[in-house]
């Protein structure tokens, strides 16, 4: 099913119309609720990959702090590559979260509109209650995701500072200066990972309510 949706997505890329994408998906029996679950899982995957990449960037800086000889330019190249990969990983997290939010908004709007189609007052009330509960759980998950996303920016800025400083000062003094910053960076990476783990746990709970 995901392969089919990828084809649909590529076919609609030029239009940039998500509503057309959802309509085409529903034509093949792939509804917004299922798309939402898949996108939440994709967001979880991107968060896990970001955790690994931030940890890798931190480890590369640790190698620099412990530097005891060799070509500093080679070390710089590795530090820059790790920063670039961390930025890409962070961008992927943001993109996936935005994708989750887009389909969730569409699903909730549709659900709200379709409440008017009920003839049974009892069934409508039950559906309204389910909608309210689902939205509440979704909001909790999205908040956790956005909080984790926000924690990435300070880390990226520190990584960029280190990369720039090393670029312009390829000497032992630069290594020493970066070493003084390492403890703060390490703490921020730990906080990012903790926030992402919270977001992933919230995502697991939300997915369980939809399946």
C-alpha atoms as a PDB file:
ATOM      1  CA  UNK A   1       0.000   0.000   0.000  1.00  0.00           C
ATOM      2  CA  UNK A   2       2.818   2.421   0.824  1.00  0.00           C
ATOM      3  CA  UNK A   3       4.349   1.767  -2.594  1.00  0.00           C
ATOM      4  CA  UNK A   4       1.056   2.645  -4.249  1.00  0.00           C
ATOM      5  CA  UNK A   5       0.760   5.801  -2.160  1.00  0.00           C
ATOM      6  CA  UNK A   6       4.296   6.777  -3.146  1.00  0.00           C
ATOM      7  CA  UNK A   7       3.257   6.564  -6.787  1.00  0.00           C
ATOM      8  CA  UNK A   8       0.185   8.667  -6.053  1.00  0.00           C
ATOM      9  CA  UNK A   9       2.297  11.171  -4.163  1.00  0.00           C
ATOM     10  CA  UNK A  10       4.778  11.495  -7.019  1.00  0.00           C
ATOM     11  CA  UNK A  11       1.965  11.889  -9.539  1.00  0.00           C
ATOM     12  CA  UNK A  12       0.525  14.791  -7.520  1.00  0.00           C
ATOM     13  CA  UNK A  13       3.823  16.468  -6.664  1.00  0.00           C
ATOM     14  CA  UNK A  14       3.477  19.098  -9.366  1.00  0.00           C
ATOM     15  CA  UNK A  15       0.037  20.142  -8.156  1.00  0.00           C
ATOM     16  CA  UNK A  16       1.097  20.341  -4.507  1.00  0.00           C
ATOM     17  CA  UNK A  17      -2.504  19.536  -3.594  1.00  0.00           C
ATOM     18  CA  UNK A  18      -2.831  17.392  -0.487  1.00  0.00           C
ATOM     19  CA  UNK A  19      -6.618  17.200  -0.828  1.00  0.00           C
ATOM     20  CA  UNK A  20      -6.193  15.600  -4.246  1.00  0.00           C
ATOM     21  CA  UNK A  21      -3.726  13.158  -2.739  1.00  0.00           C
ATOM     22  CA  UNK A  22      -6.150  12.150   0.018  1.00  0.00           C
ATOM     23  CA  UNK A  23      -8.993  11.786  -2.464  1.00  0.00           C
ATOM     24  CA  UNK A  24      -6.883   9.576  -4.710  1.00  0.00           C
ATOM     25  CA  UNK A  25      -5.768   7.515  -1.722  1.00  0.00           C
ATOM     26  CA  UNK A  26      -9.352   6.955  -0.597  1.00  0.00           C
ATOM     27  CA  UNK A  27     -10.241   5.764  -4.081  1.00  0.00           C
ATOM     28  CA  UNK A  28      -7.893   2.819  -3.502  1.00  0.00           C
ATOM     29  CA  UNK A  29      -9.150   2.201   0.041  1.00  0.00           C
ATOM     30  CA  UNK A  30      -6.415   4.057   1.923  1.00  0.00           C
ATOM     31  CA  UNK A  31      -8.154   6.427   4.311  1.00  0.00           C
ATOM     32  CA  UNK A  32      -6.882   9.420   6.279  1.00  0.00           C
ATOM     33  CA  UNK A  33      -6.767   7.465   9.536  1.00  0.00           C
ATOM     34  CA  UNK A  34      -4.418   4.920   7.953  1.00  0.00           C
ATOM     35  CA  UNK A  35      -2.331   7.649   6.358  1.00  0.00           C
ATOM     36  CA  UNK A  36      -2.082   9.348   9.741  1.00  0.00           C
ATOM     37  CA  UNK A  37      -0.839   6.172  11.416  1.00  0.00           C
ATOM     38  CA  UNK A  38       1.764   5.676   8.694  1.00  0.00           C
ATOM     39  CA  UNK A  39       2.941   9.275   8.938  1.00  0.00           C
ATOM     40  CA  UNK A  40       3.204   9.102  12.724  1.00  0.00           C
ATOM     41  CA  UNK A  41       5.331   5.975  12.343  1.00  0.00           C
ATOM     42  CA  UNK A  42       7.461   7.766   9.749  1.00  0.00           C
ATOM     43  CA  UNK A  43       7.893  10.667  12.185  1.00  0.00           C
ATOM     44  CA  UNK A  44       8.989   8.214  14.869  1.00  0.00           C
ATOM     45  CA  UNK A  45      11.542   6.751  12.484  1.00  0.00           C
ATOM     46  CA  UNK A  46      12.938  10.185  11.626  1.00  0.00           C
ATOM     47  CA  UNK A  47      13.215  11.034  15.332  1.00  0.00           C
ATOM     48  CA  UNK A  48      15.130   7.823  15.981  1.00  0.00           C
ATOM     49  CA  UNK A  49      17.450   8.589  13.081  1.00  0.00           C
ATOM     50  CA  UNK A  50      17.960  12.117  14.400  1.00  0.00           C
ATOM     51  CA  UNK A  51      18.862  10.741  17.824  1.00  0.00           C
ATOM     52  CA  UNK A  52      21.498   8.548  16.242  1.00  0.00           C
ATOM     53  CA  UNK A  53      22.861  11.397  14.133  1.00  0.00           C
ATOM     54  CA  UNK A  54      23.087  13.875  17.005  1.00  0.00           C
ATOM     55  CA  UNK A  55      24.861  11.223  19.066  1.00  0.00           C
ATOM     56  CA  UNK A  56      27.230  10.575  16.179  1.00  0.00           C
ATOM     57  CA  UNK A  57      28.016  14.289  15.826  1.00  0.00           C
ATOM     58  CA  UNK A  58      28.688  14.467  19.555  1.00  0.00           C
ATOM     59  CA  UNK A  59      30.990  11.472  19.363  1.00  0.00           C
ATOM     60  CA  UNK A  60      32.932  13.065  16.516  1.00  0.00           C
ATOM     61  CA  UNK A  61      33.464  16.198  18.601  1.00  0.00           C
ATOM     62  CA  UNK A  62      34.573  13.996  21.495  1.00  0.00           C
ATOM     63  CA  UNK A  63      37.193  12.567  19.159  1.00  0.00           C
ATOM     64  CA  UNK A  64      38.277  16.113  18.374  1.00  0.00           C
ATOM     65  CA  UNK A  65      38.469  17.064  22.058  1.00  0.00           C
ATOM     66  CA  UNK A  66      40.692  14.024  22.630  1.00  0.00           C
ATOM     67  CA  UNK A  67      42.793  14.888  19.575  1.00  0.00           C
ATOM     68  CA  UNK A  68      46.450  14.053  20.139  1.00  0.00           C
ATOM     69  CA  UNK A  69      48.047  14.479  16.749  1.00  0.00           C
ATOM     70  CA  UNK A  70      47.427  14.147  13.041  1.00  0.00           C
ATOM     71  CA  UNK A  71      45.826  16.311  10.368  1.00  0.00           C
ATOM     72  CA  UNK A  72      43.314  18.697  11.904  1.00  0.00           C
ATOM     73  CA  UNK A  73      41.889  19.417   8.479  1.00  0.00           C
ATOM     74  CA  UNK A  74      40.798  15.796   8.192  1.00  0.00           C
ATOM     75  CA  UNK A  75      39.121  16.082  11.581  1.00  0.00           C
ATOM     76  CA  UNK A  76      37.387  19.274  10.484  1.00  0.00           C
ATOM     77  CA  UNK A  77      36.016  17.549   7.386  1.00  0.00           C
ATOM     78  CA  UNK A  78      34.467  14.878   9.596  1.00  0.00           C
ATOM     79  CA  UNK A  79      33.029  17.458  12.005  1.00  0.00           C
ATOM     80  CA  UNK A  80      31.460  19.353   9.111  1.00  0.00           C
ATOM     81  CA  UNK A  81      30.037  16.172   7.602  1.00  0.00           C
ATOM     82  CA  UNK A  82      28.461  15.272  10.949  1.00  0.00           C
ATOM     83  CA  UNK A  83      26.950  18.741  11.253  1.00  0.00           C
ATOM     84  CA  UNK A  84      25.513  18.562   7.740  1.00  0.00           C
ATOM     85  CA  UNK A  85      24.012  15.139   8.479  1.00  0.00           C
ATOM     86  CA  UNK A  86      22.543  16.429  11.753  1.00  0.00           C
ATOM     87  CA  UNK A  87      20.928  19.356   9.921  1.00  0.00           C
ATOM     88  CA  UNK A  88      19.478  16.982   7.329  1.00  0.00           C
ATOM     89  CA  UNK A  89      18.135  14.733  10.084  1.00  0.00           C
ATOM     90  CA  UNK A  90      16.525  17.702  11.839  1.00  0.00           C
ATOM     91  CA  UNK A  91      14.949  18.878   8.580  1.00  0.00           C
ATOM     92  CA  UNK A  92      13.530  15.386   8.057  1.00  0.00           C
ATOM     93  CA  UNK A  93      11.965  15.440  11.532  1.00  0.00           C
ATOM     94  CA  UNK A  94      10.296  18.783  10.822  1.00  0.00           C
ATOM     95  CA  UNK A  95       9.047  17.605   7.428  1.00  0.00           C
ATOM     96  CA  UNK A  96       7.581  14.419   8.900  1.00  0.00           C
ATOM     97  CA  UNK A  97       5.856  16.281  11.743  1.00  0.00           C
ATOM     98  CA  UNK A  98       4.372  18.737   9.245  1.00  0.00           C
ATOM     99  CA  UNK A  99       3.086  15.780   7.249  1.00  0.00           C
ATOM    100  CA  UNK A 100       1.446  14.349  10.358  1.00  0.00           C
ATOM    101  CA  UNK A 101      -0.200  17.678  11.127  1.00  0.00           C
ATOM    102  CA  UNK A 102      -1.495  18.079   7.589  1.00  0.00           C
ATOM    103  CA  UNK A 103      -3.315  14.751   7.413  1.00  0.00           C
ATOM    104  CA  UNK A 104      -4.575  15.083  10.998  1.00  0.00           C
ATOM    105  CA  UNK A 105      -6.148  18.456  10.215  1.00  0.00           C
ATOM    106  CA  UNK A 106      -7.797  16.965   7.136  1.00  0.00           C
ATOM    107  CA  UNK A 107      -9.081  13.966   9.084  1.00  0.00           C
ATOM    108  CA  UNK A 108     -10.519  16.033  11.932  1.00  0.00           C
ATOM    109  CA  UNK A 109     -12.148  18.495   9.525  1.00  0.00           C
ATOM    110  CA  UNK A 110     -13.778  15.651   7.640  1.00  0.00           C
ATOM    111  CA  UNK A 111     -14.902  13.984  10.858  1.00  0.00           C
ATOM    112  CA  UNK A 112     -16.442  17.223  12.128  1.00  0.00           C
ATOM    113  CA  UNK A 113     -18.262  17.810   8.841  1.00  0.00           C
ATOM    114  CA  UNK A 114     -19.618  14.279   8.703  1.00  0.00           C
ATOM    115  CA  UNK A 115     -21.217  14.598  12.124  1.00  0.00           C
ATOM    116  CA  UNK A 116     -23.981  16.529  10.365  1.00  0.00           C
ATOM    117  CA  UNK A 117     -24.840  13.445   8.320  1.00  0.00           C
ATOM    118  CA  UNK A 118     -25.997  11.368  11.295  1.00  0.00           C
ATOM    119  CA  UNK A 119     -29.704  10.660  11.653  1.00  0.00           C
ATOM    120  CA  UNK A 120     -29.241   9.009  15.057  1.00  0.00           C
ATOM    121  CA  UNK A 121     -28.669  11.518  17.849  1.00  0.00           C
ATOM    122  CA  UNK A 122     -27.104   8.810  20.036  1.00  0.00           C
ATOM    123  CA  UNK A 123     -24.586   7.772  17.395  1.00  0.00           C
ATOM    124  CA  UNK A 124     -23.754  11.392  16.686  1.00  0.00           C
ATOM    125  CA  UNK A 125     -23.054  12.066  20.368  1.00  0.00           C
ATOM    126  CA  UNK A 126     -20.816   8.995  20.564  1.00  0.00           C
ATOM    127  CA  UNK A 127     -18.931  10.078  17.459  1.00  0.00           C
ATOM    128  CA  UNK A 128     -18.535  13.603  18.834  1.00  0.00           C
ATOM    129  CA  UNK A 129     -17.097  12.164  22.036  1.00  0.00           C
ATOM    130  CA  UNK A 130     -14.677   9.979  20.053  1.00  0.00           C
ATOM    131  CA  UNK A 131     -13.645  12.970  17.954  1.00  0.00           C
ATOM    132  CA  UNK A 132     -13.010  15.084  21.042  1.00  0.00           C
ATOM    133  CA  UNK A 133     -10.994  12.333  22.738  1.00  0.00           C
ATOM    134  CA  UNK A 134      -8.977  11.553  19.619  1.00  0.00           C
ATOM    135  CA  UNK A 135      -8.183  15.225  19.069  1.00  0.00           C
ATOM    136  CA  UNK A 136      -7.102  15.604  22.697  1.00  0.00           C
ATOM    137  CA  UNK A 137      -4.736  12.638  22.434  1.00  0.00           C
ATOM    138  CA  UNK A 138      -3.462  13.918  19.107  1.00  0.00           C
ATOM    139  CA  UNK A 139      -2.786  17.378  20.534  1.00  0.00           C
ATOM    140  CA  UNK A 140      -0.786  15.798  23.353  1.00  0.00           C
ATOM    141  CA  UNK A 141       1.296  13.813  20.862  1.00  0.00           C
ATOM    142  CA  UNK A 142       1.855  16.788  18.565  1.00  0.00           C
ATOM    143  CA  UNK A 143       2.937  18.949  21.503  1.00  0.00           C
ATOM    144  CA  UNK A 144       5.528  16.337  22.481  1.00  0.00           C
ATOM    145  CA  UNK A 145       6.763  16.178  18.883  1.00  0.00           C
ATOM    146  CA  UNK A 146       7.087  19.948  18.600  1.00  0.00           C
ATOM    147  CA  UNK A 147       8.880  20.192  21.937  1.00  0.00           C
ATOM    148  CA  UNK A 148      11.431  17.632  20.776  1.00  0.00           C
ATOM    149  CA  UNK A 149      11.763  19.460  17.464  1.00  0.00           C
ATOM    150  CA  UNK A 150      12.429  22.754  19.264  1.00  0.00           C
ATOM    151  CA  UNK A 151      15.218  21.175  21.315  1.00  0.00           C
ATOM    152  CA  UNK A 152      17.156  20.398  18.142  1.00  0.00           C
ATOM    153  CA  UNK A 153      17.799  24.022  17.207  1.00  0.00           C
ATOM    154  CA  UNK A 154      20.137  24.901  20.121  1.00  0.00           C
ATOM    155  CA  UNK A 155      22.156  21.758  19.409  1.00  0.00           C
ATOM    156  CA  UNK A 156      22.431  22.577  15.731  1.00  0.00           C
ATOM    157  CA  UNK A 157      23.587  26.093  16.570  1.00  0.00           C
ATOM    158  CA  UNK A 158      26.298  24.761  18.891  1.00  0.00           C
ATOM    159  CA  UNK A 159      27.415  22.249  16.287  1.00  0.00           C
ATOM    160  CA  UNK A 160      27.568  25.017  13.676  1.00  0.00           C
ATOM    161  CA  UNK A 161      29.559  27.258  16.045  1.00  0.00           C
ATOM    162  CA  UNK A 162      32.073  24.478  16.602  1.00  0.00           C
ATOM    163  CA  UNK A 163      32.309  23.732  12.901  1.00  0.00           C
ATOM    164  CA  UNK A 164      32.872  27.394  12.004  1.00  0.00           C
ATOM    165  CA  UNK A 165      35.409  27.972  14.768  1.00  0.00           C
ATOM    166  CA  UNK A 166      37.391  24.924  13.780  1.00  0.00           C
ATOM    167  CA  UNK A 167      37.218  25.910  10.098  1.00  0.00           C
ATOM    168  CA  UNK A 168      38.923  29.230  10.786  1.00  0.00           C
ATOM    169  CA  UNK A 169      41.285  28.024  13.516  1.00  0.00           C
ATOM    170  CA  UNK A 170      42.815  24.686  12.601  1.00  0.00           C
ATOM    171  CA  UNK A 171      45.125  24.523  15.604  1.00  0.00           C
ATOM    172  CA  UNK A 172      45.416  23.229  19.156  1.00  0.00           C
ATOM    173  CA  UNK A 173      43.892  26.427  20.524  1.00  0.00           C
ATOM    174  CA  UNK A 174      40.684  25.734  18.575  1.00  0.00           C
ATOM    175  CA  UNK A 175      40.561  22.218  19.962  1.00  0.00           C
ATOM    176  CA  UNK A 176      40.893  23.588  23.474  1.00  0.00           C
ATOM    177  CA  UNK A 177      38.140  26.168  22.936  1.00  0.00           C
ATOM    178  CA  UNK A 178      35.760  23.551  21.586  1.00  0.00           C
ATOM    179  CA  UNK A 179      36.606  21.300  24.502  1.00  0.00           C
ATOM    180  CA  UNK A 180      35.347  23.978  26.905  1.00  0.00           C
ATOM    181  CA  UNK A 181      32.001  24.011  25.085  1.00  0.00           C
ATOM    182  CA  UNK A 182      31.679  20.247  24.942  1.00  0.00           C
ATOM    183  CA  UNK A 183      29.961  19.764  28.301  1.00  0.00           C
ATOM    184  CA  UNK A 184      27.119  22.147  27.442  1.00  0.00           C
ATOM    185  CA  UNK A 185      26.645  20.504  24.060  1.00  0.00           C
ATOM    186  CA  UNK A 186      26.600  17.059  25.616  1.00  0.00           C
ATOM    187  CA  UNK A 187      23.853  18.145  27.997  1.00  0.00           C
ATOM    188  CA  UNK A 188      21.751  19.567  25.174  1.00  0.00           C
ATOM    189  CA  UNK A 189      22.082  16.392  23.118  1.00  0.00           C
ATOM    190  CA  UNK A 190      20.929  14.376  26.117  1.00  0.00           C
ATOM    191  CA  UNK A 191      17.892  16.645  26.468  1.00  0.00           C
ATOM    192  CA  UNK A 192      17.050  16.290  22.775  1.00  0.00           C
ATOM    193  CA  UNK A 193      17.191  12.522  23.013  1.00  0.00           C
ATOM    194  CA  UNK A 194      15.034  12.530  26.155  1.00  0.00           C
ATOM    195  CA  UNK A 195      12.417  14.752  24.497  1.00  0.00           C
ATOM    196  CA  UNK A 196      12.369  12.580  21.398  1.00  0.00           C
ATOM    197  CA  UNK A 197      11.880   9.467  23.509  1.00  0.00           C
ATOM    198  CA  UNK A 198       8.894  11.173  25.157  1.00  0.00           C
ATOM    199  CA  UNK A 199       7.487  12.072  21.754  1.00  0.00           C
ATOM    200  CA  UNK A 200       7.948   8.525  20.483  1.00  0.00           C
ATOM    201  CA  UNK A 201       6.183   7.162  23.584  1.00  0.00           C
ATOM    202  CA  UNK A 202       3.288   9.605  23.046  1.00  0.00           C
ATOM    203  CA  UNK A 203       3.134   8.505  19.413  1.00  0.00           C
ATOM    204  CA  UNK A 204       2.901   4.856  20.433  1.00  0.00           C
ATOM    205  CA  UNK A 205      -0.022   5.656  22.729  1.00  0.00           C
ATOM    206  CA  UNK A 206      -1.791   7.650  20.031  1.00  0.00           C
ATOM    207  CA  UNK A 207      -1.344   4.944  17.405  1.00  0.00           C
ATOM    208  CA  UNK A 208      -2.766   2.374  19.822  1.00  0.00           C
ATOM    209  CA  UNK A 209      -5.993   4.402  20.100  1.00  0.00           C
ATOM    210  CA  UNK A 210      -6.419   4.432  16.306  1.00  0.00           C
ATOM    211  CA  UNK A 211      -5.841   0.762  15.627  1.00  0.00           C
END
